[in-house]
Amino acid sequence: MGDNFSSKHIDRDNARFRKLVRGAVRNGMKKYLSHGEMIGREGGGKYISIPLPQLIIPRFKYGNPKQGVGQGNGEDGDILGIDPQPGGGAGDQPGEHILEVELTLEELAEIMGEELELPRIEPRGKKNIVTEKDKYTGIRNTGPEALRHVKRTYKAALRRQIITGVYDPKNPCVWPYKEDKRYRSWKPKFEPESNAVIFYMMDVSGSMSEEQKKLVRNICFWIDTWLKFNYKGVDRIFIIHDSAAAAVDEETFFHTRQSGGTMISSAYKLCLKMLKERFNPLDYNIYCFHFTDGDNFESDDDAAQDCLAEIVDKYANLFCYGQVGSEYNPDYEGHFFDLLEEIMNNARPENMVIAKIPCDTASIYDTLKAFLGTGK
């Protein structure tokens, strides 16, 4: 009884603490989004370590009785309380502590979705893959030892010993016979499982600075977090381009800088080729994100728009174009955004989003809300 009571108290306190943590993270979510405290804090790919000011439950603290209010002699105008100690030198009192708490990626994504008011994604119905899973549904008298139900087996053995008069309370030894053993039983359960693939494309020509790429990396982290929350399986493809495009690993994607010019069509052509060869839209939910400063060769504009139209019309759940500004290009002088804006005004594709992204971490919040707020 005592152990059960203590367990309930621990569970209740733990739930209360998790609620406090969740509230603290949500209140600071805009700061985390903007400054990237979460980036690089993944623990084994499942948990995120988050720095929070230490959460302290308020409590009474008793002072020295000899220095309390209303005790001893005093004069009019005296200041109540303890005299402040002179400063200087190293202090002997503890400072503010930072508490590292762990949240699962699912918890983090859910909090982010609440803060940004993101709608849950509805996968395309035709892309649901039915998978078979075993679900334990009952108990039976035969089965493999790996599935033996210890508690049920113990109860059956105890019941038998009590009924037969073998059980001795002074020497409470319970041993199971073969007929006492109980095993978990299962039946196959068929569940729809939605898969997704994310294409990240980025301009790495000489005009894209390290600060711009760092901003893109933070945005991609949060996109990953949200889409993994909505899908069972997520593949990620990284494409870099200047005047030519290549599929690379994540490390290369965020740390490559070329000196060539920009031909956006090269990235879209490679993306389209991979979609046709590897990612059938009947099997995958497809997301494409392209980041560039928009300074494309004008002779390439038509080819880029043609490829983009095919991706949007035939493949993508969502295509997002982010034109990233810089200290050298604060007015987004790249003209490709204007071409896409004209398409948006005329054709109004529901699965396409374009955004101008200031090279400022404060822009991450609005970018994510624009890109992920469609619910596509």
Protein backbone atom coordinates (compact mmCIF):
# COMPACT_ATOMS: atom_id res chain seq x y z
CA MET A 1 0.00 0.00 0.00
CA GLY A 2 2.79 2.39 0.97
CA ASP A 3 4.80 1.67 -2.19
CA ASN A 4 1.71 2.16 -4.35
CA PHE A 5 0.92 5.45 -2.61
CA SER A 6 4.50 6.70 -3.11
CA SER A 7 4.41 5.66 -6.77
CA LYS A 8 1.24 7.66 -7.34
CA HIS A 9 2.84 10.71 -5.72
CA ILE A 10 5.94 10.35 -7.90
CA ASP A 11 3.82 10.01 -11.06
CA ARG A 12 1.75 13.03 -10.08
CA ASP A 13 4.84 15.15 -9.32
CA ASN A 14 6.49 14.05 -12.54
CA ALA A 15 3.38 14.96 -14.55
CA ARG A 16 3.30 18.35 -12.82
CA PHE A 17 6.98 18.92 -13.60
CA ARG A 18 6.48 17.95 -17.28
CA LYS A 19 3.60 20.42 -17.46
CA LEU A 20 5.82 23.19 -16.05
CA VAL A 21 8.58 22.31 -18.53
CA ARG A 22 6.13 22.27 -21.43
CA GLY A 23 4.81 25.71 -20.44
CA ALA A 24 8.34 27.12 -20.11
CA VAL A 25 9.35 25.76 -23.51
CA ARG A 26 6.23 27.11 -25.19
CA ASN A 27 6.72 30.55 -23.62
CA GLY A 28 10.28 30.59 -24.94
CA MET A 29 9.55 28.91 -28.28
CA LYS A 30 9.95 32.07 -30.35
CA LYS A 31 13.39 32.58 -28.78
CA TYR A 32 14.38 28.98 -29.46
CA LEU A 33 13.18 29.26 -33.05
CA SER A 34 15.09 32.48 -33.56
CA HIS A 35 18.38 31.64 -31.90
CA GLY A 36 18.67 27.91 -32.55
CA GLU A 37 19.33 26.71 -28.98
CA MET A 38 17.99 23.30 -30.01
CA ILE A 39 20.34 22.82 -32.95
CA GLY A 40 23.05 20.32 -32.10
CA ARG A 41 21.35 19.23 -28.87
CA GLU A 42 19.86 16.01 -30.21
CA GLY A 43 20.53 13.00 -28.00
CA GLY A 44 20.65 9.86 -30.07
CA GLY A 45 18.18 11.24 -32.58
CA LYS A 46 15.13 10.77 -30.31
CA TYR A 47 15.50 13.37 -27.56
CA ILE A 48 16.32 17.06 -27.54
CA SER A 49 18.17 18.60 -24.60
CA ILE A 50 16.79 22.05 -23.83
CA PRO A 51 18.38 24.70 -21.57
CA LEU A 52 15.83 26.27 -19.23
CA PRO A 53 16.21 28.54 -16.22
CA GLN A 54 15.89 26.30 -13.17
CA LEU A 55 12.26 25.74 -12.22
CA ILE A 56 11.84 26.31 -8.47
CA ILE A 57 8.64 25.64 -6.56
CA PRO A 58 7.91 28.67 -4.26
CA ARG A 59 8.23 27.97 -0.53
CA PHE A 60 8.53 29.89 2.74
CA LYS A 61 12.02 30.72 3.96
CA TYR A 62 12.50 31.63 7.60
CA GLY A 63 14.99 34.32 8.61
CA ASN A 64 17.01 34.97 11.77
CA PRO A 65 14.54 35.65 14.65
CA LYS A 66 16.84 38.28 16.17
CA GLN A 67 16.54 40.42 13.03
CA GLY A 68 12.80 40.12 12.43
CA VAL A 69 10.38 43.04 12.12
CA GLY A 70 9.04 44.30 15.46
CA GLN A 71 11.90 42.94 17.57
CA GLY A 72 14.44 45.03 19.50
CA ASN A 73 14.90 48.77 19.68
CA GLY A 74 14.52 51.09 16.75
CA GLU A 75 14.11 54.70 15.73
CA ASP A 76 11.69 56.46 13.41
CA GLY A 77 12.89 56.19 9.80
CA ASP A 78 15.02 53.08 10.29
CA ILE A 79 15.03 50.75 7.26
CA LEU A 80 13.50 47.38 8.00
CA GLY A 81 15.47 44.31 7.03
CA ILE A 82 19.05 43.10 7.03
CA ASP A 83 21.83 45.55 6.26
CA PRO A 84 23.20 44.95 2.76
CA GLN A 85 26.70 43.52 2.71
CA PRO A 86 29.41 45.44 0.89
CA GLY A 87 30.19 44.17 -2.59
CA GLY A 88 33.48 43.32 -4.18
CA GLY A 89 35.37 40.08 -4.61
CA ALA A 90 34.05 36.66 -5.44
CA GLY A 91 30.65 35.86 -3.98
CA ASP A 92 29.90 32.80 -1.88
CA GLN A 93 26.23 32.50 -2.92
CA PRO A 94 25.02 30.29 -5.78
CA GLY A 95 24.08 32.02 -9.01
CA GLU A 96 21.24 31.25 -11.38
CA HIS A 97 21.32 27.64 -12.55
CA ILE A 98 20.42 26.45 -16.01
CA LEU A 99 18.42 23.23 -16.03
CA GLU A 100 18.90 20.83 -18.96
CA VAL A 101 15.66 18.97 -19.62
CA GLU A 102 14.97 16.38 -22.27
CA LEU A 103 11.94 16.34 -24.53
CA THR A 104 11.16 13.85 -27.24
CA LEU A 105 11.05 15.21 -30.78
CA GLU A 106 7.32 14.48 -30.78
CA GLU A 107 6.77 16.62 -27.68
CA LEU A 108 8.89 19.40 -29.18
CA ALA A 109 7.00 19.30 -32.47
CA GLU A 110 3.65 19.34 -30.68
CA ILE A 111 4.65 22.41 -28.66
CA MET A 112 5.91 24.12 -31.81
CA GLY A 113 2.65 23.33 -33.59
CA GLU A 114 0.66 24.84 -30.72
CA GLU A 115 2.79 27.99 -30.62
CA LEU A 116 2.72 28.55 -34.40
CA GLU A 117 -0.92 27.37 -34.64
CA LEU A 118 0.02 24.87 -37.34
CA PRO A 119 -2.71 22.58 -38.69
CA ARG A 120 -1.95 18.87 -38.61
CA ILE A 121 -0.96 17.61 -42.05
CA GLU A 122 -3.47 15.44 -43.90
CA PRO A 123 -1.47 13.05 -46.10
CA ARG A 124 -2.77 12.31 -49.56
CA GLY A 125 -5.06 9.32 -49.29
CA LYS A 126 -3.58 7.47 -52.27
CA LYS A 127 -0.14 7.55 -50.69
CA ASN A 128 -1.05 5.50 -47.63
CA ILE A 129 0.98 2.29 -47.44
CA VAL A 130 -0.75 -0.49 -45.48
CA THR A 131 1.62 -2.24 -43.06
CA GLU A 132 1.03 -5.32 -40.92
CA LYS A 133 1.71 -5.05 -37.19
CA ASP A 134 1.22 -7.55 -34.37
CA LYS A 135 -1.14 -6.39 -31.63
CA TYR A 136 -1.37 -8.29 -28.35
CA THR A 137 -5.05 -8.86 -27.67
CA GLY A 138 -5.42 -11.56 -25.00
CA ILE A 139 -4.05 -14.48 -22.97
CA ARG A 140 -3.78 -18.15 -23.87
CA ASN A 141 -2.45 -21.33 -22.23
CA THR A 142 0.26 -22.10 -24.79
CA GLY A 143 2.96 -20.10 -26.48
CA PRO A 144 6.69 -19.32 -26.60
CA GLU A 145 8.45 -18.63 -23.30
CA ALA A 146 9.42 -15.16 -24.55
CA LEU A 147 5.72 -14.23 -24.42
CA ARG A 148 4.99 -15.72 -21.00
CA HIS A 149 2.81 -13.40 -18.90
CA VAL A 150 4.55 -13.49 -15.51
CA LYS A 151 1.77 -11.94 -13.44
CA ARG A 152 -0.99 -14.13 -14.91
CA THR A 153 1.20 -17.22 -14.48
CA TYR A 154 1.88 -16.36 -10.83
CA LYS A 155 -1.82 -15.81 -10.10
CA ALA A 156 -2.78 -19.13 -11.67
CA ALA A 157 -0.11 -20.98 -9.66
CA LEU A 158 -1.10 -19.23 -6.42
CA ARG A 159 -4.79 -20.03 -6.99
CA ARG A 160 -3.99 -23.70 -7.59
CA GLN A 161 -1.87 -23.94 -4.43
CA ILE A 162 -4.55 -22.26 -2.27
CA ILE A 163 -7.32 -24.50 -3.65
CA THR A 164 -5.28 -27.66 -3.12
CA GLY A 165 -4.17 -26.56 0.36
CA VAL A 166 -0.49 -26.57 -0.54
CA TYR A 167 0.06 -22.84 0.04
CA ASP A 168 1.77 -22.02 3.35
CA PRO A 169 1.55 -18.31 4.39
CA LYS A 170 4.55 -18.81 6.67
CA ASN A 171 6.63 -20.04 3.77
CA PRO A 172 4.98 -18.33 0.76
CA CYS A 173 6.72 -20.13 -2.06
CA VAL A 174 4.78 -20.20 -5.33
CA TRP A 175 5.96 -22.31 -8.22
CA PRO A 176 4.12 -22.76 -11.52
CA TYR A 177 3.26 -26.06 -13.14
CA LYS A 178 2.92 -26.39 -16.88
CA GLU A 179 -0.88 -25.91 -16.71
CA ASP A 180 -0.40 -22.65 -14.73
CA LYS A 181 1.57 -20.90 -17.44
CA ARG A 182 -0.14 -18.11 -19.37
CA TYR A 183 1.07 -16.46 -22.59
CA ARG A 184 0.24 -13.30 -24.47
CA SER A 185 -1.71 -13.86 -27.68
CA TRP A 186 -1.80 -11.57 -30.69
CA LYS A 187 -3.43 -11.04 -34.02
CA PRO A 188 -2.16 -9.09 -37.03
CA LYS A 189 -3.42 -5.52 -37.32
CA PHE A 190 -3.26 -3.65 -40.60
CA GLU A 191 -2.53 0.07 -40.31
CA PRO A 192 -2.05 2.76 -42.95
CA GLU A 193 1.45 4.20 -42.79
CA SER A 194 2.29 7.44 -44.57
CA ASN A 195 5.77 8.03 -45.92
CA ALA A 196 7.26 11.37 -46.92
CA VAL A 197 10.32 12.60 -48.76
CA ILE A 198 11.76 16.09 -48.27
CA PHE A 199 13.85 17.74 -50.98
CA TYR A 200 16.06 20.52 -49.66
CA MET A 201 17.58 22.60 -52.45
CA MET A 202 19.98 25.48 -51.87
CA ASP A 203 21.89 27.95 -53.98
CA VAL A 204 25.58 27.74 -53.00
CA SER A 205 26.91 30.23 -55.54
CA GLY A 206 29.34 32.93 -54.48
CA SER A 207 26.55 35.35 -53.56
CA MET A 208 25.21 33.08 -50.76
CA SER A 209 27.04 33.87 -47.50
CA GLU A 210 27.73 31.65 -44.50
CA GLU A 211 25.17 33.60 -42.47
CA GLN A 212 22.49 32.86 -45.05
CA LYS A 213 23.31 29.15 -45.00
CA LYS A 214 23.28 29.09 -41.20
CA LEU A 215 19.80 30.61 -41.29
CA VAL A 216 18.67 27.99 -43.81
CA ARG A 217 20.05 25.22 -41.57
CA ASN A 218 17.97 26.41 -38.63
CA ILE A 219 14.83 26.58 -40.79
CA CYS A 220 15.46 23.07 -42.12
CA PHE A 221 15.84 21.69 -38.59
CA TRP A 222 12.36 22.89 -37.63
CA ILE A 223 10.85 21.70 -40.92
CA ASP A 224 12.34 18.26 -40.22
CA THR A 225 10.93 18.28 -36.70
CA TRP A 226 7.39 19.07 -37.85
CA LEU A 227 7.26 16.67 -40.80
CA LYS A 228 8.70 13.79 -38.75
CA PHE A 229 5.93 14.44 -36.23
CA ASN A 230 3.32 14.01 -38.98
CA TYR A 231 4.75 11.00 -40.82
CA LYS A 232 5.97 7.51 -39.87
CA GLY A 233 8.91 7.56 -42.26
CA VAL A 234 10.77 10.54 -43.75
CA ASP A 235 13.50 10.49 -46.39
CA ARG A 236 15.63 13.60 -46.92
CA ILE A 237 17.36 14.57 -50.15
CA PHE A 238 19.88 17.45 -50.25
CA ILE A 239 20.60 19.23 -53.54
CA ILE A 240 23.10 22.08 -53.95
CA HIS A 241 23.49 24.18 -57.05
CA ASP A 242 25.22 27.10 -58.65
CA SER A 243 25.15 26.79 -62.43
CA ALA A 244 25.09 22.99 -61.98
CA ALA A 245 23.36 20.82 -59.38
CA ALA A 246 24.41 17.79 -57.34
CA ALA A 247 22.83 15.57 -54.69
CA VAL A 248 25.02 15.61 -51.56
CA ASP A 249 24.99 14.62 -47.90
CA GLU A 250 23.75 16.94 -45.16
CA GLU A 251 27.22 18.06 -44.06
CA THR A 252 28.19 19.08 -47.60
CA PHE A 253 24.83 20.78 -48.11
CA PHE A 254 25.38 23.27 -45.28
CA HIS A 255 29.12 23.81 -45.67
CA THR A 256 29.71 24.20 -49.42
CA ARG A 257 30.26 27.47 -51.22
CA GLN A 258 30.94 27.76 -54.94
CA SER A 259 32.13 30.70 -56.97
CA GLY A 260 29.97 30.11 -60.03
CA GLY A 261 26.79 31.81 -61.18
CA THR A 262 23.22 30.70 -60.50
CA MET A 263 21.04 28.48 -62.69
CA ILE A 264 18.00 27.46 -60.69
CA SER A 265 16.76 25.09 -63.37
CA SER A 266 19.71 22.76 -62.64
CA ALA A 267 18.31 22.03 -59.15
CA TYR A 268 14.74 21.64 -60.37
CA LYS A 269 15.80 19.31 -63.19
CA LEU A 270 17.71 17.07 -60.77
CA CYS A 271 14.80 17.08 -58.32
CA LEU A 272 12.40 16.15 -61.12
CA LYS A 273 14.68 13.37 -62.33
CA MET A 274 14.88 11.83 -58.86
CA LEU A 275 11.13 12.09 -58.41
CA LYS A 276 10.51 10.21 -61.64
CA GLU A 277 13.08 7.51 -60.86
CA ARG A 278 12.68 6.95 -57.11
CA PHE A 279 9.66 8.64 -55.54
CA ASN A 280 6.33 7.74 -57.05
CA PRO A 281 3.68 10.20 -55.83
CA LEU A 282 1.38 7.22 -55.20
CA ASP A 283 3.81 5.98 -52.54
CA TYR A 284 5.22 9.20 -51.06
CA ASN A 285 4.10 12.55 -49.76
CA ILE A 286 6.56 14.94 -51.40
CA TYR A 287 7.86 18.21 -49.95
CA CYS A 288 10.27 20.54 -51.74
CA PHE A 289 12.05 23.53 -50.18
CA HIS A 290 14.32 25.78 -52.22
CA PHE A 291 16.51 28.52 -50.73
CA THR A 292 18.33 31.07 -52.89
CA ASP A 293 19.03 34.78 -53.18
CA GLY A 294 17.04 34.73 -56.43
CA ASP A 295 19.79 36.13 -58.61
CA ASN A 296 19.23 33.70 -61.49
CA PHE A 297 20.59 33.92 -65.04
CA GLU A 298 17.71 35.43 -66.99
CA SER A 299 18.33 33.02 -69.87
CA ASP A 300 17.54 30.19 -67.42
CA ASP A 301 14.24 31.60 -66.13
CA ASP A 302 11.96 29.83 -68.62
CA ALA A 303 13.56 26.42 -68.07
CA ALA A 304 13.36 26.83 -64.28
CA GLN A 305 9.69 27.80 -64.43
CA ASP A 306 8.83 24.86 -66.70
CA CYS A 307 10.46 22.35 -64.32
CA LEU A 308 8.85 23.99 -61.34
CA ALA A 309 5.41 23.78 -62.95
CA GLU A 310 5.81 20.03 -63.51
CA ILE A 311 6.96 19.44 -59.91
CA VAL A 312 4.04 21.41 -58.49
CA ASP A 313 1.40 19.99 -60.86
CA LYS A 314 2.37 16.30 -60.77
CA TYR A 315 4.37 15.54 -57.65
CA ALA A 316 4.58 17.89 -54.68
CA ASN A 317 2.26 18.05 -51.72
CA LEU A 318 4.00 21.35 -51.07
CA PHE A 319 6.67 23.40 -52.81
CA CYS A 320 8.19 26.28 -50.82
CA TYR A 321 10.51 28.89 -52.29
CA GLY A 322 12.46 31.07 -49.86
CA GLN A 323 14.41 34.03 -51.21
CA VAL A 324 17.00 34.84 -48.55
CA GLY A 325 18.24 38.40 -48.22
CA SER A 326 21.70 39.41 -47.02
CA GLU A 327 23.56 42.44 -45.74
CA TYR A 328 24.67 43.05 -49.32
CA ASN A 329 21.21 42.46 -50.74
CA PRO A 330 18.70 43.72 -48.15
CA ASP A 331 16.08 44.57 -50.79
CA TYR A 332 16.01 41.08 -52.35
CA GLU A 333 17.18 42.31 -55.73
CA GLY A 334 17.06 38.77 -57.19
CA HIS A 335 14.33 38.89 -59.81
CA PHE A 336 13.21 35.23 -59.64
CA PHE A 337 10.85 35.98 -56.76
CA ASP A 338 8.96 38.45 -58.97
CA LEU A 339 8.46 35.75 -61.61
CA LEU A 340 7.06 33.33 -59.05
CA GLU A 341 4.89 36.03 -57.53
CA GLU A 342 3.30 36.53 -60.94
CA ILE A 343 2.59 32.79 -61.13
CA MET A 344 1.04 32.89 -57.66
CA ASN A 345 -1.20 35.80 -58.63
CA ASN A 346 -2.35 34.23 -61.89
CA ALA A 347 -2.43 30.45 -61.41
CA ARG A 348 -2.82 30.48 -57.60
CA PRO A 349 -1.44 26.97 -56.96
CA GLU A 350 -2.60 25.84 -53.51
CA ASN A 351 0.46 23.67 -52.91
CA MET A 352 3.03 26.40 -53.50
CA VAL A 353 4.33 29.03 -51.07
CA ILE A 354 6.87 31.78 -51.72
CA ALA A 355 8.47 33.99 -49.09
CA LYS A 356 11.14 36.63 -48.72
CA ILE A 357 13.36 35.78 -45.77
CA PRO A 358 15.45 38.53 -44.15
CA CYS A 359 18.91 37.28 -43.14
CA ASP A 360 17.94 37.63 -39.50
CA THR A 361 17.17 34.81 -37.08
CA ALA A 362 13.99 36.61 -36.04
CA SER A 363 12.58 35.76 -39.49
CA ILE A 364 12.56 32.01 -38.76
CA TYR A 365 9.27 32.20 -36.87
CA ASP A 366 7.37 33.88 -39.72
CA THR A 367 9.00 31.65 -42.34
CA LEU A 368 7.95 28.46 -40.60
CA LYS A 369 4.44 29.76 -40.12
CA ALA A 370 4.23 30.63 -43.83
CA PHE A 371 5.72 27.34 -45.07
CA LEU A 372 4.05 24.90 -42.67
CA GLY A 373 0.79 26.71 -42.01
CA THR A 374 -0.83 25.34 -45.17
CA GLY A 375 -1.52 21.92 -43.66
CA LYS A 376 -0.53 20.29 -46.97
